[in-house]
Amino acid sequence: MGSFADVLLSGPRGRRLCWWAAGGRLDPGAADAVLHRDVEVSDPLVAFAESVGCAMYWQEPDEVDLALAAPGAVRGLRPAAEAVAAASGTGWWFEPIGADQRYVRWVDPVVPAPELTGAADRLARWRAATAEQEAACRAREDALDAPISGTWWSTPDRTELVTTTRPLPGFGAVGLVLEEDSLGVPEAICHPLRPARERGVHEPSVHKPRVHEIRGAADWCALVERYPLEVTASRRHDWWRATGTDARWLIPDYAAVAADHDAVHLTAAAYLEAAGRALPVGDAATVLAGWNPDETWWLTDVLGPAGAPERWCEDEGDPVGWTRTS
């Protein structure tokens, strides 16, 4: 892997972040457009949030994402990518999972409080439902360009398993602002959580969880290759539209992953490199979709409460402004 600037320019979400960081001053439709070298990045989190909010893997890339993928536009974005890579406040983008985690419970529509037991049963249901859906889609044999959309994410069912992100100084949780396909809800309750449950009779009640870290696109592909689950029939229409690639599609079999890992964590930097791309896995391919930056998916019952829930409200007009209200 090259420099972080190279990483940012390798994927659609990283390129979109750089474009926002430069204030959209590069015309993505102009061949060999070049930004001035005096690009300044005052708040990379704002640009990050804007890029994440544009992720839509059930349809073709929008005109900006398409234009920014052109070689001339990529060259033109280089100064912005270098400025983002050098900006302060991005250190946590590369960090592994932290001990303090937050579950974001949106208030309206009401998202339930985290259920910290029963992960194995939920994964079994997800695995069975995925196999059933795949068989049903395979039986239809629809044309590749048929106007069909369905399950476009490469994660388990978000309503079934607990997901968390880290808090930031003075900020409730990364998940408040970096969320694909956001509900747009202006109020949430952040539940502090920590690994605190026994894995077995002879193990301590507080332990370091077994976390698979995704630090880049190669780590995601390695996870898929080790625990492959084919989802070609149920994903091919959406992922062909999103990536322009027709392939045999794979995602991780999370029920199998849970035998070796308590959780899987995606670093923010890895998200910017991998999300929304058709990535090769042997003679097949995969897409990282529906997985938010810095998000951890918990596959076993190892979490426990770590403090009182906090209520946070969005500051109107500020894309990353949230205020704690209780």
Protein backbone atom coordinates (compact mmCIF):
# COMPACT_ATOMS: atom_id res chain seq x y z
CA MET A 1 0.00 0.00 0.00
CA GLY A 2 1.27 3.46 -0.83
CA SER A 3 0.82 6.68 1.12
CA PHE A 4 -2.45 7.60 2.78
CA ALA A 5 -3.03 10.09 -0.04
CA ASP A 6 -2.86 7.14 -2.45
CA VAL A 7 -5.35 5.24 -0.29
CA LEU A 8 -7.75 8.17 -0.33
CA LEU A 9 -7.63 8.37 -4.12
CA SER A 10 -8.16 4.63 -4.61
CA GLY A 11 -11.84 4.46 -3.71
CA PRO A 12 -15.02 6.44 -4.35
CA ARG A 13 -15.57 7.45 -0.72
CA GLY A 14 -11.99 8.65 -0.28
CA ARG A 15 -12.11 10.65 -3.51
CA ARG A 16 -15.44 12.21 -2.54
CA LEU A 17 -13.98 13.17 0.86
CA CYS A 18 -11.04 14.90 -0.86
CA TRP A 19 -13.39 16.74 -3.19
CA TRP A 20 -15.47 18.00 -0.25
CA ALA A 21 -12.32 18.91 1.69
CA ALA A 22 -11.31 21.12 -1.21
CA GLY A 23 -14.71 22.79 -1.15
CA GLY A 24 -15.73 21.20 -4.45
CA ARG A 25 -13.35 23.56 -6.24
CA LEU A 26 -12.25 20.92 -8.72
CA ASP A 27 -14.58 20.54 -11.69
CA PRO A 28 -15.00 16.74 -11.77
CA GLY A 29 -16.05 16.89 -15.39
CA ALA A 30 -12.95 18.68 -16.62
CA ALA A 31 -10.17 16.55 -18.09
CA ASP A 32 -6.86 16.85 -16.26
CA ALA A 33 -8.26 19.44 -13.84
CA VAL A 34 -5.78 20.41 -11.15
CA LEU A 35 -6.40 22.03 -7.80
CA HIS A 36 -4.17 24.72 -6.48
CA ARG A 37 -1.52 23.50 -4.06
CA ASP A 38 -2.78 25.73 -1.24
CA VAL A 39 -5.62 23.39 -0.23
CA GLU A 40 -6.40 23.74 3.47
CA VAL A 41 -8.49 21.28 5.45
CA SER A 42 -10.05 22.87 8.52
CA ASP A 43 -12.34 20.02 9.57
CA PRO A 44 -11.82 16.66 7.84
CA LEU A 45 -14.75 15.15 9.76
CA VAL A 46 -17.17 17.42 7.87
CA ALA A 47 -15.84 16.21 4.52
CA PHE A 48 -15.90 12.62 5.82
CA ALA A 49 -19.56 12.93 6.82
CA GLU A 50 -20.51 14.37 3.45
CA SER A 51 -18.78 11.53 1.62
CA VAL A 52 -20.35 8.81 3.75
CA GLY A 53 -23.77 10.35 3.21
CA CYS A 54 -23.37 9.94 -0.55
CA ALA A 55 -22.81 6.17 -0.40
CA MET A 56 -25.60 4.37 -2.28
CA TYR A 57 -24.82 0.80 -3.36
CA TRP A 58 -28.25 -0.04 -4.76
CA GLN A 59 -27.90 2.23 -7.79
CA GLU A 60 -25.36 3.63 -10.21
CA PRO A 61 -22.77 6.07 -8.81
CA ASP A 62 -23.95 9.65 -9.04
CA GLU A 63 -22.41 12.02 -11.56
CA VAL A 64 -19.84 13.37 -9.09
CA ASP A 65 -18.54 9.94 -8.06
CA LEU A 66 -18.36 8.91 -11.71
CA ALA A 67 -16.49 12.05 -12.72
CA LEU A 68 -14.06 11.86 -9.80
CA ALA A 69 -13.02 8.35 -10.88
CA ALA A 70 -11.61 9.66 -14.18
CA PRO A 71 -7.79 9.65 -14.32
CA GLY A 72 -7.61 13.40 -14.84
CA ALA A 73 -9.82 14.08 -11.83
CA VAL A 74 -7.80 11.68 -9.67
CA ARG A 75 -4.64 13.57 -10.58
CA GLY A 76 -6.38 16.83 -9.85
CA LEU A 77 -7.45 15.62 -6.40
CA ARG A 78 -3.88 14.84 -5.36
CA PRO A 79 -3.29 18.17 -3.52
CA ALA A 80 -6.51 17.70 -1.55
CA ALA A 81 -5.60 14.10 -0.71
CA GLU A 82 -2.20 15.22 0.55
CA ALA A 83 -3.82 17.97 2.61
CA VAL A 84 -6.27 15.53 4.21
CA ALA A 85 -3.47 13.07 4.92
CA ALA A 86 -1.54 15.83 6.73
CA ALA A 87 -4.55 17.26 8.59
CA SER A 88 -4.83 17.12 12.36
CA GLY A 89 -7.64 15.19 14.01
CA THR A 90 -7.39 12.14 11.75
CA GLY A 91 -5.23 9.92 13.95
CA TRP A 92 -8.18 7.83 15.12
CA TRP A 93 -8.96 6.94 11.49
CA PHE A 94 -6.13 4.39 11.68
CA GLU A 95 -6.65 3.14 15.23
CA PRO A 96 -7.89 -0.33 16.15
CA ILE A 97 -10.97 -0.75 18.29
CA GLY A 98 -10.85 1.11 21.60
CA ALA A 99 -12.01 -0.17 24.98
CA ASP A 100 -14.81 2.40 25.18
CA GLN A 101 -17.60 1.82 22.70
CA ARG A 102 -20.97 3.42 22.05
CA TYR A 103 -24.18 1.94 20.70
CA VAL A 104 -26.24 4.64 18.98
CA ARG A 105 -29.98 4.28 19.57
CA TRP A 106 -31.93 6.65 17.34
CA VAL A 107 -34.97 8.14 19.04
CA ASP A 108 -37.38 8.57 16.12
CA PRO A 109 -38.02 6.16 14.56
CA VAL A 110 -37.38 4.27 17.75
CA VAL A 111 -34.39 1.93 17.65
CA PRO A 112 -34.41 -0.58 20.53
CA ALA A 113 -31.87 -0.66 23.34
CA PRO A 114 -28.98 -3.03 22.62
CA GLU A 115 -29.64 -6.70 23.33
CA LEU A 116 -26.37 -8.01 24.70
CA THR A 117 -27.22 -11.73 24.64
CA GLY A 118 -28.44 -14.13 21.98
CA ALA A 119 -25.93 -13.27 19.25
CA ALA A 120 -25.49 -16.93 18.23
CA ASP A 121 -29.21 -17.39 17.63
CA ARG A 122 -29.38 -14.15 15.65
CA LEU A 123 -26.46 -15.16 13.47
CA ALA A 124 -28.04 -18.56 12.84
CA ARG A 125 -31.26 -16.86 11.73
CA TRP A 126 -29.31 -14.48 9.51
CA ARG A 127 -27.38 -17.38 7.94
CA ALA A 128 -30.56 -19.33 7.22
CA ALA A 129 -32.38 -16.30 5.81
CA THR A 130 -29.41 -15.45 3.58
CA ALA A 131 -29.33 -18.97 2.16
CA GLU A 132 -33.10 -18.90 1.59
CA GLN A 133 -32.94 -15.55 -0.17
CA GLU A 134 -30.05 -16.67 -2.34
CA ALA A 135 -31.92 -19.77 -3.44
CA ALA A 136 -35.07 -17.79 -4.24
CA CYS A 137 -33.14 -15.21 -6.31
CA ARG A 138 -31.22 -17.93 -8.14
CA ALA A 139 -34.47 -19.61 -9.17
CA ARG A 140 -35.70 -16.44 -10.92
CA GLU A 141 -32.72 -16.17 -13.29
CA ASP A 142 -33.39 -12.48 -13.98
CA ALA A 143 -31.33 -10.61 -16.56
CA LEU A 144 -28.37 -8.66 -15.20
CA ASP A 145 -29.86 -5.31 -16.17
CA ALA A 146 -33.34 -6.12 -14.87
CA PRO A 147 -34.72 -3.30 -12.66
CA ILE A 148 -34.36 -5.37 -9.50
CA SER A 149 -33.05 -4.25 -6.13
CA GLY A 150 -32.91 -6.06 -2.85
CA THR A 151 -30.27 -6.83 -0.26
CA TRP A 152 -27.30 -4.60 -1.12
CA TRP A 153 -25.28 -4.66 2.10
CA SER A 154 -22.39 -7.01 2.94
CA THR A 155 -23.02 -7.01 6.70
CA PRO A 156 -25.40 -9.07 8.85
CA ASP A 157 -28.85 -7.75 9.64
CA ARG A 158 -28.41 -4.40 11.39
CA THR A 159 -31.58 -4.88 13.44
CA GLU A 160 -30.33 -8.15 14.88
CA LEU A 161 -26.72 -7.63 16.05
CA VAL A 162 -25.11 -4.93 18.16
CA THR A 163 -22.85 -2.44 16.40
CA THR A 164 -20.71 0.20 18.07
CA THR A 165 -18.34 3.06 17.29
CA ARG A 166 -15.92 4.98 19.48
CA PRO A 167 -16.62 8.26 21.28
CA LEU A 168 -14.49 11.27 20.44
CA PRO A 169 -13.48 14.03 22.85
CA GLY A 170 -16.62 16.03 23.59
CA PHE A 171 -18.60 13.95 21.13
CA GLY A 172 -20.99 11.08 21.84
CA ALA A 173 -20.05 8.60 19.12
CA VAL A 174 -18.60 8.48 15.62
CA GLY A 175 -21.80 6.73 14.58
CA LEU A 176 -23.79 9.92 15.12
CA VAL A 177 -22.31 11.48 11.99
CA LEU A 178 -20.64 8.75 9.90
CA GLU A 179 -23.56 6.61 8.78
CA GLU A 180 -24.37 5.29 5.32
CA ASP A 181 -28.00 5.53 4.22
CA SER A 182 -28.65 7.68 7.28
CA LEU A 183 -32.07 7.87 8.86
CA GLY A 184 -31.56 11.61 9.32
CA VAL A 185 -32.84 11.49 12.90
CA PRO A 186 -31.73 14.56 14.96
CA GLU A 187 -31.77 12.86 18.38
CA ALA A 188 -30.08 9.74 19.72
CA ILE A 189 -29.11 7.97 22.93
CA CYS A 190 -25.54 6.70 23.14
CA HIS A 191 -25.11 3.60 25.30
CA PRO A 192 -21.57 3.11 26.69
CA LEU A 193 -20.49 -0.53 26.33
CA ARG A 194 -17.40 -2.59 27.08
CA PRO A 195 -16.42 -6.24 26.75
CA ALA A 196 -17.34 -7.63 30.17
CA ARG A 197 -18.86 -11.09 29.82
CA GLU A 198 -17.37 -14.53 30.31
CA ARG A 199 -16.54 -16.67 27.30
CA GLY A 200 -16.14 -19.82 29.36
CA VAL A 201 -15.95 -21.28 32.85
CA HIS A 202 -12.18 -21.01 33.04
CA GLU A 203 -11.88 -17.53 31.58
CA PRO A 204 -12.02 -14.20 33.42
CA SER A 205 -15.21 -12.18 33.45
CA VAL A 206 -13.44 -9.18 31.91
CA HIS A 207 -11.26 -9.94 28.93
CA LYS A 208 -9.85 -8.51 25.76
CA PRO A 209 -12.21 -9.46 22.94
CA ARG A 210 -11.02 -11.40 19.92
CA VAL A 211 -11.37 -8.71 17.27
CA HIS A 212 -10.61 -9.10 13.59
CA GLU A 213 -9.26 -5.73 12.49
CA ILE A 214 -9.93 -4.51 8.96
CA ARG A 215 -7.19 -1.95 8.38
CA GLY A 216 -7.45 -1.86 4.61
CA ALA A 217 -9.05 -3.44 1.56
CA ALA A 218 -6.68 -6.41 1.74
CA ASP A 219 -7.90 -7.27 5.26
CA TRP A 220 -11.52 -7.23 4.10
CA CYS A 221 -10.71 -9.50 1.19
CA ALA A 222 -8.77 -11.84 3.49
CA LEU A 223 -11.78 -12.13 5.80
CA VAL A 224 -14.05 -12.95 2.86
CA GLU A 225 -11.57 -15.49 1.49
CA ARG A 226 -11.24 -17.28 4.83
CA TYR A 227 -14.98 -17.40 5.55
CA PRO A 228 -16.64 -17.24 2.10
CA LEU A 229 -20.39 -17.10 1.62
CA GLU A 230 -21.70 -16.78 -1.93
CA VAL A 231 -24.44 -14.19 -2.47
CA THR A 232 -24.26 -13.74 -6.25
CA ALA A 233 -27.94 -14.15 -7.01
CA SER A 234 -29.13 -11.75 -4.30
CA ARG A 235 -26.48 -9.05 -4.88
CA ARG A 236 -25.55 -9.11 -8.56
CA HIS A 237 -28.09 -6.55 -9.79
CA ASP A 238 -27.33 -3.92 -7.16
CA TRP A 239 -23.59 -4.47 -7.12
CA TRP A 240 -23.34 -4.47 -10.89
CA ARG A 241 -25.08 -1.11 -10.96
CA ALA A 242 -22.89 0.22 -8.13
CA THR A 243 -19.53 -1.02 -9.42
CA GLY A 244 -19.99 -1.83 -13.11
CA THR A 245 -18.72 -5.35 -12.40
CA ASP A 246 -20.51 -8.64 -12.99
CA ALA A 247 -18.90 -11.33 -10.88
CA ARG A 248 -19.44 -14.23 -8.55
CA TRP A 249 -20.03 -12.28 -5.35
CA LEU A 250 -18.90 -13.24 -1.85
CA ILE A 251 -19.32 -11.83 1.66
CA PRO A 252 -18.08 -13.23 4.98
CA ASP A 253 -20.08 -16.03 6.58
CA TYR A 254 -20.43 -14.24 9.90
CA ALA A 255 -21.76 -17.32 11.66
CA ALA A 256 -18.44 -19.00 10.83
CA VAL A 257 -16.43 -15.88 11.72
CA ALA A 258 -18.00 -15.95 15.21
CA ALA A 259 -16.27 -19.25 15.97
CA ASP A 260 -12.91 -17.45 15.89
CA HIS A 261 -13.71 -13.80 16.62
CA ASP A 262 -15.97 -11.92 19.01
CA ALA A 263 -16.16 -8.92 16.71
CA VAL A 264 -15.00 -7.36 13.45
CA HIS A 265 -13.86 -3.74 13.43
CA LEU A 266 -13.48 -1.55 10.34
CA THR A 267 -11.06 1.34 10.72
CA ALA A 268 -12.12 4.65 9.23
CA ALA A 269 -9.08 4.60 6.94
CA ALA A 270 -10.01 1.13 5.66
CA TYR A 271 -13.52 2.33 4.92
CA LEU A 272 -12.18 5.12 2.72
CA GLU A 273 -10.09 2.64 0.76
CA ALA A 274 -12.49 -0.29 0.45
CA ALA A 275 -16.11 0.88 0.55
CA GLY A 276 -18.11 0.68 -2.66
CA ARG A 277 -15.43 -1.03 -4.76
CA ALA A 278 -15.49 -4.39 -6.56
CA LEU A 279 -12.53 -6.11 -4.89
CA PRO A 280 -11.10 -9.40 -6.18
CA VAL A 281 -11.18 -12.51 -3.99
CA GLY A 282 -9.64 -15.36 -5.97
CA ASP A 283 -11.88 -15.98 -8.98
CA ALA A 284 -14.73 -14.07 -7.32
CA ALA A 285 -15.25 -10.56 -5.95
CA THR A 286 -16.70 -8.72 -2.98
CA VAL A 287 -18.05 -5.30 -2.05
CA LEU A 288 -17.83 -3.60 1.34
CA ALA A 289 -21.25 -2.00 1.61
CA GLY A 290 -23.43 -0.88 4.49
CA TRP A 291 -20.53 -0.93 6.97
CA ASN A 292 -19.89 2.46 8.55
CA PRO A 293 -16.46 3.94 9.35
CA ASP A 294 -14.97 2.78 12.69
CA GLU A 295 -17.94 0.47 13.18
CA THR A 296 -17.59 -2.81 15.07
CA TRP A 297 -20.00 -5.68 14.55
CA TRP A 298 -20.29 -7.87 17.66
CA LEU A 299 -20.76 -11.56 16.89
CA THR A 300 -20.72 -13.04 20.40
CA ASP A 301 -22.12 -12.16 23.81
CA VAL A 302 -19.13 -10.35 25.28
CA LEU A 303 -20.50 -6.84 25.85
CA GLY A 304 -21.80 -5.25 29.03
CA PRO A 305 -22.95 -1.77 30.08
CA ALA A 306 -20.16 0.68 30.92
CA GLY A 307 -22.05 3.71 32.23
CA ALA A 308 -25.27 5.65 32.01
CA PRO A 309 -26.75 6.30 28.55
CA GLU A 310 -26.31 9.82 27.16
CA ARG A 311 -28.85 11.74 25.08
CA TRP A 312 -27.46 13.78 22.18
CA CYS A 313 -29.22 16.21 19.84
CA GLU A 314 -28.07 17.50 16.47
CA ASP A 315 -27.22 21.19 16.13
CA GLU A 316 -29.31 22.52 13.28
CA GLY A 317 -27.23 23.64 10.33
CA ASP A 318 -24.01 21.91 11.48
CA PRO A 319 -23.36 18.58 9.70
CA VAL A 320 -21.21 17.26 12.56
CA GLY A 321 -22.56 19.36 15.45
CA TRP A 322 -24.17 17.41 18.26
CA THR A 323 -24.85 18.53 21.84
CA ARG A 324 -25.28 16.34 24.89
CA THR A 325 -28.62 17.11 26.53
CA SER A 326 -28.68 14.58 29.38
